[in-house]
Amino acid sequence: MEGMRTLWVPLILALVLLTGCGDLPSVEGLATSENTVFDPALVGAWSAGDAVVISQANGDKSYSVSWLETDSNEPPRIARMEAHLAQVGDEKILDLTSSDPGAFTIPCHVFLRVHSVPEGLDVRFVDSGWIQDRVREKSLESFVQDDHPVIIAATPKVAAFLLQFGLDQRAQNAPMILRPLKQN
């Protein structure tokens, strides 16, 4: 059995690296049946500069998210994702993963803080260099790929870590403002 595990660990790690997710991906998600909440303010069509984001409600307190890249120099690309909003302390963190990662890949989870603002939604990835350093220093189970840690800790440890460090402003990258698309 040990030989079988030794064979699978490198294969799983290789598959994680092919997912192409953010700078602090996690193999395990943050959202659980106990901490998942739903915010109808996240549902809608949004402009993000060179992208359009469409978020639809699912019946299970989750969201289907389509991200359409509209860069005029490239053909349009669509990424389809699933999201769950997790209550962590007094904050809500969006747990985002690909809904169709494709062959030979496994989905990773990335975490975003989302706040309603007068202009729309303030979205910030929780993957700054500062929080990556906390992963390394606090010995959260992870491995390093391309100078970025990939978290492999179990969900309770990920939640505890994000509660301790992920709510700090230094943990988040620059904001992206999603503005609602006008209805005609």
N, C-alpha and C. Protein backbone atom coordinates (compact mmCIF):
# COMPACT_ATOMS: atom_id res chain seq x y z
N MET A 1 0.83 -1.20 0.00
CA MET A 1 0.00 0.00 0.00
C MET A 1 0.86 1.26 0.00
N GLU A 2 1.98 1.25 0.74
CA GLU A 2 2.87 2.41 0.79
C GLU A 2 3.42 2.73 -0.59
N GLY A 3 3.77 1.71 -1.39
CA GLY A 3 4.26 1.94 -2.74
C GLY A 3 3.21 2.60 -3.62
N MET A 4 1.95 2.20 -3.44
CA MET A 4 0.86 2.79 -4.20
C MET A 4 0.70 4.27 -3.85
N ARG A 5 0.79 4.60 -2.55
CA ARG A 5 0.69 5.99 -2.12
C ARG A 5 1.85 6.81 -2.68
N THR A 6 3.05 6.24 -2.65
CA THR A 6 4.22 6.92 -3.19
C THR A 6 4.04 7.25 -4.67
N LEU A 7 3.38 6.37 -5.40
CA LEU A 7 3.12 6.60 -6.82
C LEU A 7 2.09 7.69 -7.04
N TRP A 8 1.03 7.74 -6.21
CA TRP A 8 -0.05 8.68 -6.40
C TRP A 8 0.29 10.11 -5.99
N VAL A 9 1.10 10.29 -4.95
CA VAL A 9 1.40 11.64 -4.48
C VAL A 9 2.02 12.50 -5.58
N PRO A 10 3.08 12.06 -6.28
CA PRO A 10 3.63 12.91 -7.34
C PRO A 10 2.64 13.14 -8.48
N LEU A 11 1.80 12.15 -8.79
CA LEU A 11 0.82 12.32 -9.84
C LEU A 11 -0.20 13.38 -9.47
N ILE A 12 -0.69 13.34 -8.24
CA ILE A 12 -1.66 14.35 -7.79
C ILE A 12 -1.03 15.73 -7.79
N LEU A 13 0.21 15.84 -7.32
CA LEU A 13 0.87 17.14 -7.30
C LEU A 13 1.05 17.67 -8.72
N ALA A 14 1.39 16.82 -9.65
CA ALA A 14 1.54 17.25 -11.05
C ALA A 14 0.21 17.73 -11.60
N LEU A 15 -0.86 17.06 -11.24
CA LEU A 15 -2.18 17.46 -11.73
C LEU A 15 -2.59 18.82 -11.17
N VAL A 16 -2.26 19.07 -9.91
CA VAL A 16 -2.58 20.37 -9.31
C VAL A 16 -1.90 21.49 -10.10
N LEU A 17 -0.69 21.27 -10.51
CA LEU A 17 0.08 22.31 -11.19
C LEU A 17 -0.49 22.65 -12.56
N LEU A 18 -1.24 21.76 -13.13
CA LEU A 18 -1.81 21.99 -14.46
C LEU A 18 -3.11 22.79 -14.41
N THR A 19 -3.61 23.09 -13.23
CA THR A 19 -4.89 23.78 -13.14
C THR A 19 -4.79 25.25 -13.50
N GLY A 20 -3.62 25.85 -13.35
CA GLY A 20 -3.45 27.25 -13.72
C GLY A 20 -4.20 28.23 -12.83
N CYS A 21 -4.40 27.90 -11.56
CA CYS A 21 -5.15 28.80 -10.70
C CYS A 21 -4.23 29.83 -10.05
N GLY A 22 -4.75 30.65 -9.12
CA GLY A 22 -4.08 31.80 -8.55
C GLY A 22 -2.74 31.53 -7.89
N ASP A 23 -2.20 32.58 -7.27
CA ASP A 23 -0.87 32.53 -6.67
C ASP A 23 -0.83 31.81 -5.32
N LEU A 24 -1.98 31.49 -4.74
CA LEU A 24 -2.03 30.71 -3.50
C LEU A 24 -3.19 29.71 -3.60
N PRO A 25 -3.04 28.72 -4.47
CA PRO A 25 -4.12 27.74 -4.62
C PRO A 25 -4.13 26.75 -3.45
N SER A 26 -5.29 26.15 -3.26
CA SER A 26 -5.46 25.14 -2.23
C SER A 26 -6.13 23.92 -2.85
N VAL A 27 -5.65 22.75 -2.51
CA VAL A 27 -6.27 21.53 -2.99
C VAL A 27 -7.63 21.36 -2.33
N GLU A 28 -7.73 21.74 -1.07
CA GLU A 28 -9.00 21.64 -0.33
C GLU A 28 -9.71 22.99 -0.34
N GLY A 29 -11.02 22.95 -0.36
CA GLY A 29 -11.81 24.17 -0.32
C GLY A 29 -11.95 24.71 1.09
N LEU A 30 -12.55 25.87 1.19
CA LEU A 30 -12.81 26.52 2.46
C LEU A 30 -14.26 26.33 2.89
N ALA A 31 -15.17 26.38 1.93
CA ALA A 31 -16.60 26.31 2.21
C ALA A 31 -17.02 24.90 2.63
N THR A 32 -17.80 24.83 3.71
CA THR A 32 -18.36 23.58 4.19
C THR A 32 -19.87 23.78 4.36
N SER A 33 -20.57 22.71 4.67
CA SER A 33 -22.01 22.85 4.88
C SER A 33 -22.31 23.72 6.11
N GLU A 34 -21.37 23.79 7.04
CA GLU A 34 -21.58 24.59 8.26
C GLU A 34 -21.30 26.08 8.06
N ASN A 35 -20.37 26.45 7.18
CA ASN A 35 -20.00 27.87 7.06
C ASN A 35 -20.46 28.53 5.76
N THR A 36 -21.11 27.79 4.89
CA THR A 36 -21.54 28.36 3.61
C THR A 36 -22.77 29.24 3.81
N VAL A 37 -22.70 30.43 3.25
CA VAL A 37 -23.81 31.39 3.28
C VAL A 37 -24.10 31.81 1.84
N PHE A 38 -25.21 32.48 1.64
CA PHE A 38 -25.56 32.95 0.31
C PHE A 38 -25.85 34.44 0.38
N ASP A 39 -25.32 35.20 -0.57
CA ASP A 39 -25.57 36.64 -0.65
C ASP A 39 -26.11 36.95 -2.04
N PRO A 40 -27.39 37.29 -2.16
CA PRO A 40 -27.96 37.56 -3.48
C PRO A 40 -27.32 38.76 -4.19
N ALA A 41 -26.60 39.61 -3.45
CA ALA A 41 -25.94 40.76 -4.07
C ALA A 41 -24.83 40.34 -5.02
N LEU A 42 -24.35 39.08 -4.91
CA LEU A 42 -23.29 38.61 -5.79
C LEU A 42 -23.83 38.13 -7.14
N VAL A 43 -25.14 37.96 -7.25
CA VAL A 43 -25.75 37.48 -8.49
C VAL A 43 -25.91 38.65 -9.44
N GLY A 44 -25.50 38.45 -10.69
CA GLY A 44 -25.67 39.50 -11.69
C GLY A 44 -24.63 39.42 -12.77
N ALA A 45 -24.65 40.42 -13.64
CA ALA A 45 -23.67 40.55 -14.72
C ALA A 45 -22.82 41.77 -14.40
N TRP A 46 -21.50 41.59 -14.50
CA TRP A 46 -20.56 42.60 -14.04
C TRP A 46 -19.51 42.87 -15.10
N SER A 47 -19.06 44.11 -15.14
CA SER A 47 -17.94 44.48 -16.01
C SER A 47 -16.69 44.60 -15.16
N ALA A 48 -15.61 43.99 -15.66
CA ALA A 48 -14.33 44.04 -14.95
C ALA A 48 -13.26 44.56 -15.90
N GLY A 49 -13.51 45.67 -16.55
CA GLY A 49 -12.55 46.21 -17.51
C GLY A 49 -12.55 45.41 -18.78
N ASP A 50 -11.58 44.51 -18.94
CA ASP A 50 -11.49 43.72 -20.17
C ASP A 50 -12.16 42.35 -20.02
N ALA A 51 -13.08 42.25 -19.07
CA ALA A 51 -13.80 40.98 -18.87
C ALA A 51 -15.24 41.27 -18.44
N VAL A 52 -16.09 40.29 -18.71
CA VAL A 52 -17.46 40.31 -18.23
C VAL A 52 -17.61 39.10 -17.32
N VAL A 53 -18.20 39.32 -16.16
CA VAL A 53 -18.41 38.26 -15.18
C VAL A 53 -19.91 38.10 -14.98
N ILE A 54 -20.38 36.87 -15.12
CA ILE A 54 -21.79 36.57 -14.90
C ILE A 54 -21.87 35.57 -13.76
N SER A 55 -22.61 35.93 -12.71
CA SER A 55 -22.77 35.08 -11.54
C SER A 55 -24.24 34.73 -11.40
N GLN A 56 -24.54 33.43 -11.38
CA GLN A 56 -25.91 32.96 -11.25
C GLN A 56 -26.02 32.11 -9.99
N ALA A 57 -27.20 32.17 -9.38
CA ALA A 57 -27.45 31.38 -8.17
C ALA A 57 -27.75 29.94 -8.55
N ASN A 58 -27.20 29.02 -7.76
CA ASN A 58 -27.57 27.61 -7.84
C ASN A 58 -28.49 27.32 -6.66
N GLY A 59 -29.20 26.24 -6.69
CA GLY A 59 -30.14 25.91 -5.63
C GLY A 59 -29.50 25.50 -4.32
N ASP A 60 -28.21 25.26 -4.30
CA ASP A 60 -27.54 24.74 -3.11
C ASP A 60 -26.65 25.78 -2.42
N LYS A 61 -27.03 27.04 -2.44
CA LYS A 61 -26.26 28.13 -1.86
C LYS A 61 -24.90 28.30 -2.54
N SER A 62 -24.83 27.94 -3.80
CA SER A 62 -23.59 28.15 -4.55
C SER A 62 -23.89 29.04 -5.75
N TYR A 63 -22.83 29.41 -6.43
CA TYR A 63 -22.94 30.29 -7.59
C TYR A 63 -22.25 29.63 -8.78
N SER A 64 -22.82 29.79 -9.96
CA SER A 64 -22.15 29.45 -11.21
C SER A 64 -21.59 30.76 -11.75
N VAL A 65 -20.30 30.78 -12.03
CA VAL A 65 -19.64 32.00 -12.46
C VAL A 65 -19.01 31.76 -13.84
N SER A 66 -19.31 32.65 -14.77
CA SER A 66 -18.67 32.61 -16.09
C SER A 66 -17.86 33.89 -16.24
N TRP A 67 -16.59 33.72 -16.60
CA TRP A 67 -15.67 34.84 -16.78
C TRP A 67 -15.32 34.88 -18.25
N LEU A 68 -15.73 35.94 -18.94
CA LEU A 68 -15.48 36.09 -20.38
C LEU A 68 -14.42 37.15 -20.58
N GLU A 69 -13.24 36.73 -21.04
CA GLU A 69 -12.16 37.66 -21.36
C GLU A 69 -12.49 38.33 -22.69
N THR A 70 -12.42 39.64 -22.72
CA THR A 70 -12.79 40.39 -23.92
C THR A 70 -11.64 41.22 -24.47
N ASP A 71 -10.41 40.82 -24.19
CA ASP A 71 -9.24 41.52 -24.71
C ASP A 71 -9.31 41.50 -26.24
N SER A 72 -9.27 42.68 -26.87
CA SER A 72 -9.47 42.77 -28.31
C SER A 72 -8.33 42.13 -29.12
N ASN A 73 -7.17 41.91 -28.51
CA ASN A 73 -6.04 41.32 -29.22
C ASN A 73 -6.10 39.79 -29.27
N GLU A 74 -6.97 39.19 -28.50
CA GLU A 74 -7.07 37.74 -28.40
C GLU A 74 -8.51 37.31 -28.69
N PRO A 75 -8.69 36.08 -29.14
CA PRO A 75 -10.07 35.57 -29.25
C PRO A 75 -10.70 35.50 -27.86
N PRO A 76 -12.00 35.72 -27.75
CA PRO A 76 -12.64 35.65 -26.42
C PRO A 76 -12.44 34.28 -25.79
N ARG A 77 -12.21 34.28 -24.46
CA ARG A 77 -12.08 33.04 -23.71
C ARG A 77 -13.08 33.05 -22.57
N ILE A 78 -13.65 31.89 -22.32
CA ILE A 78 -14.62 31.77 -21.22
C ILE A 78 -14.10 30.76 -20.21
N ALA A 79 -14.10 31.15 -18.95
CA ALA A 79 -13.80 30.23 -17.85
C ALA A 79 -15.07 30.05 -17.05
N ARG A 80 -15.43 28.82 -16.80
CA ARG A 80 -16.62 28.51 -16.00
C ARG A 80 -16.17 28.01 -14.64
N MET A 81 -16.74 28.61 -13.60
CA MET A 81 -16.33 28.29 -12.25
C MET A 81 -17.54 28.07 -11.35
N GLU A 82 -17.27 27.46 -10.23
CA GLU A 82 -18.27 27.30 -9.18
C GLU A 82 -17.74 28.05 -7.97
N ALA A 83 -18.64 28.68 -7.23
CA ALA A 83 -18.23 29.44 -6.06
C ALA A 83 -19.16 29.18 -4.90
N HIS A 84 -18.58 29.21 -3.71
CA HIS A 84 -19.32 29.13 -2.46
C HIS A 84 -18.82 30.27 -1.57
N LEU A 85 -19.72 30.91 -0.88
CA LEU A 85 -19.37 32.00 0.01
C LEU A 85 -19.29 31.45 1.43
N ALA A 86 -18.11 31.53 2.03
CA ALA A 86 -17.88 30.99 3.37
C ALA A 86 -17.79 32.12 4.39
N GLN A 87 -18.49 31.95 5.50
CA GLN A 87 -18.40 32.89 6.62
C GLN A 87 -17.19 32.50 7.44
N VAL A 88 -16.21 33.41 7.53
CA VAL A 88 -14.98 33.18 8.30
C VAL A 88 -14.87 34.34 9.28
N GLY A 89 -15.13 34.06 10.53
CA GLY A 89 -15.17 35.15 11.51
C GLY A 89 -16.27 36.11 11.12
N ASP A 90 -15.94 37.40 11.06
CA ASP A 90 -16.91 38.42 10.68
C ASP A 90 -16.92 38.70 9.18
N GLU A 91 -16.09 38.01 8.44
CA GLU A 91 -15.94 38.26 7.00
C GLU A 91 -16.47 37.10 6.18
N LYS A 92 -16.70 37.40 4.91
CA LYS A 92 -17.10 36.38 3.96
C LYS A 92 -16.01 36.25 2.91
N ILE A 93 -15.63 35.00 2.63
CA ILE A 93 -14.60 34.73 1.63
C ILE A 93 -15.19 33.81 0.58
N LEU A 94 -15.01 34.19 -0.68
CA LEU A 94 -15.50 33.40 -1.79
C LEU A 94 -14.49 32.30 -2.10
N ASP A 95 -14.96 31.07 -2.12
CA ASP A 95 -14.16 29.88 -2.44
C ASP A 95 -14.50 29.55 -3.89
N LEU A 96 -13.54 29.78 -4.78
CA LEU A 96 -13.77 29.68 -6.22
C LEU A 96 -12.95 28.54 -6.80
N THR A 97 -13.59 27.72 -7.64
CA THR A 97 -12.90 26.61 -8.29
C THR A 97 -13.47 26.41 -9.68
N SER A 98 -12.69 25.83 -10.56
CA SER A 98 -13.13 25.57 -11.91
C SER A 98 -14.24 24.52 -11.89
N SER A 99 -15.29 24.74 -12.67
CA SER A 99 -16.35 23.74 -12.73
C SER A 99 -16.07 22.69 -13.79
N ASP A 100 -15.08 22.94 -14.65
CA ASP A 100 -14.69 21.97 -15.67
C ASP A 100 -13.19 22.07 -15.89
N PRO A 101 -12.40 21.46 -14.99
CA PRO A 101 -10.95 21.61 -15.09
C PRO A 101 -10.33 20.90 -16.29
N GLY A 102 -11.03 19.95 -16.89
CA GLY A 102 -10.48 19.27 -18.05
C GLY A 102 -9.74 18.00 -17.68
N ALA A 103 -9.32 17.31 -18.72
CA ALA A 103 -8.61 16.04 -18.55
C ALA A 103 -7.25 16.26 -17.88
N PHE A 104 -6.87 15.33 -17.06
CA PHE A 104 -5.56 15.30 -16.40
C PHE A 104 -5.33 16.49 -15.47
N THR A 105 -6.39 17.09 -14.98
CA THR A 105 -6.25 18.15 -13.98
C THR A 105 -7.25 17.91 -12.87
N ILE A 106 -6.98 18.49 -11.73
CA ILE A 106 -7.94 18.48 -10.65
C ILE A 106 -8.18 19.93 -10.27
N PRO A 107 -9.39 20.25 -9.84
CA PRO A 107 -9.66 21.65 -9.51
C PRO A 107 -8.91 22.11 -8.27
N CYS A 108 -8.45 23.33 -8.30
CA CYS A 108 -7.89 23.92 -7.10
C CYS A 108 -8.86 25.00 -6.64
N HIS A 109 -8.67 25.45 -5.44
CA HIS A 109 -9.52 26.49 -4.87
C HIS A 109 -8.67 27.73 -4.69
N VAL A 110 -9.24 28.87 -5.02
CA VAL A 110 -8.63 30.16 -4.71
C VAL A 110 -9.64 30.94 -3.90
N PHE A 111 -9.15 31.86 -3.09
CA PHE A 111 -10.00 32.54 -2.14
C PHE A 111 -9.99 34.05 -2.42
N LEU A 112 -11.19 34.65 -2.36
CA LEU A 112 -11.35 36.07 -2.63
C LEU A 112 -12.21 36.70 -1.55
N ARG A 113 -11.84 37.89 -1.15
CA ARG A 113 -12.72 38.69 -0.29
C ARG A 113 -13.56 39.54 -1.20
N VAL A 114 -14.85 39.56 -0.94
CA VAL A 114 -15.80 40.30 -1.78
C VAL A 114 -16.61 41.21 -0.87
N HIS A 115 -16.66 42.49 -1.22
CA HIS A 115 -17.45 43.46 -0.46
C HIS A 115 -18.28 44.28 -1.43
N SER A 116 -19.52 44.54 -1.05
CA SER A 116 -20.34 45.47 -1.82
C SER A 116 -19.84 46.88 -1.56
N VAL A 117 -19.70 47.64 -2.63
CA VAL A 117 -19.33 49.05 -2.56
C VAL A 117 -20.29 49.80 -3.45
N PRO A 118 -20.39 51.13 -3.33
CA PRO A 118 -21.34 51.88 -4.15
C PRO A 118 -21.20 51.62 -5.66
N GLU A 119 -19.97 51.39 -6.13
CA GLU A 119 -19.73 51.17 -7.55
C GLU A 119 -20.08 49.76 -8.00
N GLY A 120 -20.21 48.81 -7.08
CA GLY A 120 -20.49 47.42 -7.42
C GLY A 120 -19.91 46.47 -6.40
N LEU A 121 -18.91 45.67 -6.81
CA LEU A 121 -18.26 44.72 -5.90
C LEU A 121 -16.76 44.97 -5.88
N ASP A 122 -16.18 45.01 -4.70
CA ASP A 122 -14.74 45.11 -4.51
C ASP A 122 -14.26 43.68 -4.29
N VAL A 123 -13.45 43.16 -5.23
CA VAL A 123 -12.98 41.78 -5.19
C VAL A 123 -11.46 41.79 -5.04
N ARG A 124 -10.96 41.02 -4.07
CA ARG A 124 -9.51 40.95 -3.82
C ARG A 124 -9.11 39.49 -3.60
N PHE A 125 -8.15 39.02 -4.39
CA PHE A 125 -7.63 37.69 -4.17
C PHE A 125 -6.83 37.65 -2.88
N VAL A 126 -7.00 36.60 -2.10
CA VAL A 126 -6.22 36.39 -0.88
C VAL A 126 -5.03 35.52 -1.28
N ASP A 127 -4.05 36.17 -1.91
CA ASP A 127 -2.87 35.41 -2.38
C ASP A 127 -1.63 36.29 -2.50
N SER A 128 -1.56 37.34 -1.70
CA SER A 128 -0.41 38.25 -1.77
C SER A 128 0.88 37.56 -1.35
N GLY A 129 1.99 38.18 -1.66
CA GLY A 129 3.28 37.67 -1.21
C GLY A 129 3.35 37.56 0.30
N TRP A 130 2.71 38.50 1.01
CA TRP A 130 2.72 38.50 2.47
C TRP A 130 2.08 37.22 3.02
N ILE A 131 0.91 36.85 2.51
CA ILE A 131 0.25 35.65 3.03
C ILE A 131 0.97 34.38 2.57
N GLN A 132 1.58 34.42 1.41
CA GLN A 132 2.39 33.27 0.98
C GLN A 132 3.54 33.03 1.97
N ASP A 133 4.14 34.13 2.44
CA ASP A 133 5.20 34.00 3.45
C ASP A 133 4.64 33.40 4.75
N ARG A 134 3.41 33.76 5.13
CA ARG A 134 2.80 33.19 6.34
C ARG A 134 2.61 31.67 6.17
N VAL A 135 2.23 31.23 4.98
CA VAL A 135 2.09 29.79 4.74
C VAL A 135 3.41 29.10 5.01
N ARG A 136 4.47 29.65 4.47
CA ARG A 136 5.81 29.04 4.64
C ARG A 136 6.24 29.07 6.11
N GLU A 137 6.04 30.21 6.78
CA GLU A 137 6.49 30.37 8.17
C GLU A 137 5.68 29.54 9.15
N LYS A 138 4.42 29.40 8.93
CA LYS A 138 3.53 28.71 9.88
C LYS A 138 3.43 27.22 9.60
N SER A 139 4.20 26.76 8.66
CA SER A 139 4.25 25.33 8.35
C SER A 139 2.88 24.75 8.00
N LEU A 140 2.04 25.54 7.35
CA LEU A 140 0.79 25.01 6.83
C LEU A 140 1.16 24.03 5.73
N GLU A 141 0.57 22.85 5.74
CA GLU A 141 0.95 21.83 4.78
C GLU A 141 0.83 22.37 3.36
N SER A 142 1.97 22.36 2.65
CA SER A 142 2.00 22.90 1.30
C SER A 142 3.26 22.41 0.61
N PHE A 143 3.32 22.66 -0.67
CA PHE A 143 4.56 22.47 -1.42
C PHE A 143 4.72 23.70 -2.30
N VAL A 144 5.89 23.93 -2.82
CA VAL A 144 6.18 25.12 -3.61
C VAL A 144 6.30 24.74 -5.08
N GLN A 145 5.61 25.49 -5.90
CA GLN A 145 5.71 25.34 -7.36
C GLN A 145 5.86 26.73 -7.95
N ASP A 146 6.86 26.92 -8.77
CA ASP A 146 7.12 28.23 -9.39
C ASP A 146 7.15 29.35 -8.36
N ASP A 147 7.82 29.10 -7.24
CA ASP A 147 7.99 30.05 -6.15
C ASP A 147 6.70 30.41 -5.41
N HIS A 148 5.61 29.67 -5.63
CA HIS A 148 4.34 29.91 -4.93
C HIS A 148 3.95 28.66 -4.17
N PRO A 149 3.53 28.81 -2.91
CA PRO A 149 3.05 27.63 -2.19
C PRO A 149 1.70 27.17 -2.72
N VAL A 150 1.49 25.87 -2.71
CA VAL A 150 0.21 25.25 -3.02
C VAL A 150 -0.22 24.56 -1.73
N ILE A 151 -1.34 25.01 -1.15
CA ILE A 151 -1.80 24.49 0.13
C ILE A 151 -2.40 23.10 -0.06
N ILE A 152 -1.96 22.16 0.76
CA ILE A 152 -2.52 20.82 0.72
C ILE A 152 -3.10 20.42 2.08
N ALA A 153 -3.24 21.39 2.98
CA ALA A 153 -3.80 21.13 4.31
C ALA A 153 -5.30 20.83 4.20
N ALA A 154 -5.83 20.16 5.21
CA ALA A 154 -7.25 19.84 5.28
C ALA A 154 -8.06 21.12 5.51
N THR A 155 -9.33 21.08 5.12
CA THR A 155 -10.22 22.25 5.21
C THR A 155 -10.21 22.93 6.58
N PRO A 156 -10.30 22.23 7.70
CA PRO A 156 -10.29 22.94 9.00
C PRO A 156 -9.01 23.75 9.22
N LYS A 157 -7.88 23.22 8.78
CA LYS A 157 -6.62 23.96 8.92
C LYS A 157 -6.58 25.16 7.99
N VAL A 158 -7.12 25.02 6.78
CA VAL A 158 -7.19 26.15 5.85
C VAL A 158 -8.06 27.24 6.46
N ALA A 159 -9.22 26.86 7.01
CA ALA A 159 -10.13 27.84 7.62
C ALA A 159 -9.47 28.56 8.80
N ALA A 160 -8.79 27.81 9.67
CA ALA A 160 -8.12 28.43 10.82
C ALA A 160 -7.02 29.38 10.36
N PHE A 161 -6.27 28.97 9.35
CA PHE A 161 -5.20 29.81 8.82
C PHE A 161 -5.78 31.11 8.23
N LEU A 162 -6.85 31.00 7.44
CA LEU A 162 -7.44 32.20 6.84
C LEU A 162 -8.07 33.10 7.89
N LEU A 163 -8.62 32.52 8.94
CA LEU A 163 -9.17 33.32 10.02
C LEU A 163 -8.06 34.10 10.71
N GLN A 164 -6.90 33.48 10.87
CA GLN A 164 -5.78 34.13 11.54
C GLN A 164 -5.09 35.15 10.64
N PHE A 165 -4.89 34.83 9.34
CA PHE A 165 -4.09 35.69 8.47
C PHE A 165 -4.82 36.25 7.25
N GLY A 166 -5.80 35.54 6.74
CA GLY A 166 -6.43 35.92 5.48
C GLY A 166 -7.29 37.16 5.53
N LEU A 167 -7.70 37.57 6.72
CA LEU A 167 -8.53 38.76 6.85
C LEU A 167 -7.71 40.03 6.99
N ASP A 168 -6.41 39.88 7.14
CA ASP A 168 -5.49 41.00 7.22
C ASP A 168 -5.40 41.66 5.84
N GLN A 169 -5.41 42.98 5.80
CA GLN A 169 -5.32 43.71 4.52
C GLN A 169 -4.09 43.32 3.72
N ARG A 170 -3.00 42.98 4.42
CA ARG A 170 -1.77 42.61 3.73
C ARG A 170 -1.88 41.29 2.98
N ALA A 171 -2.89 40.49 3.31
CA ALA A 171 -3.08 39.18 2.67
C ALA A 171 -3.69 39.31 1.28
N GLN A 172 -4.25 40.47 0.99
CA GLN A 172 -5.02 40.64 -0.24
C GLN A 172 -4.25 41.43 -1.27
N ASN A 173 -4.48 41.07 -2.51
CA ASN A 173 -3.90 41.83 -3.61
C ASN A 173 -4.76 43.05 -3.91
N ALA A 174 -4.35 43.84 -4.86
CA ALA A 174 -5.07 45.07 -5.23
C ALA A 174 -6.51 44.75 -5.59
N PRO A 175 -7.41 45.68 -5.29
CA PRO A 175 -8.82 45.43 -5.58
C PRO A 175 -9.12 45.45 -7.07
N MET A 176 -10.12 44.67 -7.42
CA MET A 176 -10.71 44.71 -8.75
C MET A 176 -12.16 45.11 -8.51
N ILE A 177 -12.59 46.18 -9.13
CA ILE A 177 -13.98 46.62 -8.96
C ILE A 177 -14.81 46.04 -10.09
N LEU A 178 -15.82 45.26 -9.72
CA LEU A 178 -16.78 44.75 -10.69
C LEU A 178 -17.97 45.68 -10.69
N ARG A 179 -18.24 46.27 -11.83
CA ARG A 179 -19.35 47.21 -11.95
C ARG A 179 -20.53 46.52 -12.62
N PRO A 180 -21.75 46.76 -12.11
CA PRO A 180 -22.89 46.07 -12.71
C PRO A 180 -23.11 46.55 -14.14
N LEU A 181 -23.45 45.60 -15.02
CA LEU A 181 -23.81 45.98 -16.38
C LEU A 181 -25.21 46.55 -16.33
N LYS A 182 -25.44 47.59 -17.05
CA LYS A 182 -26.74 48.26 -17.02
C LYS A 182 -27.79 47.42 -17.72
N GLN A 183 -28.98 47.41 -17.14
CA GLN A 183 -30.11 46.73 -17.75
C GLN A 183 -30.85 47.71 -18.65
N ASN A 184 -31.24 47.27 -19.83
CA ASN A 184 -32.02 48.15 -20.74
C ASN A 184 -33.50 47.92 -20.54
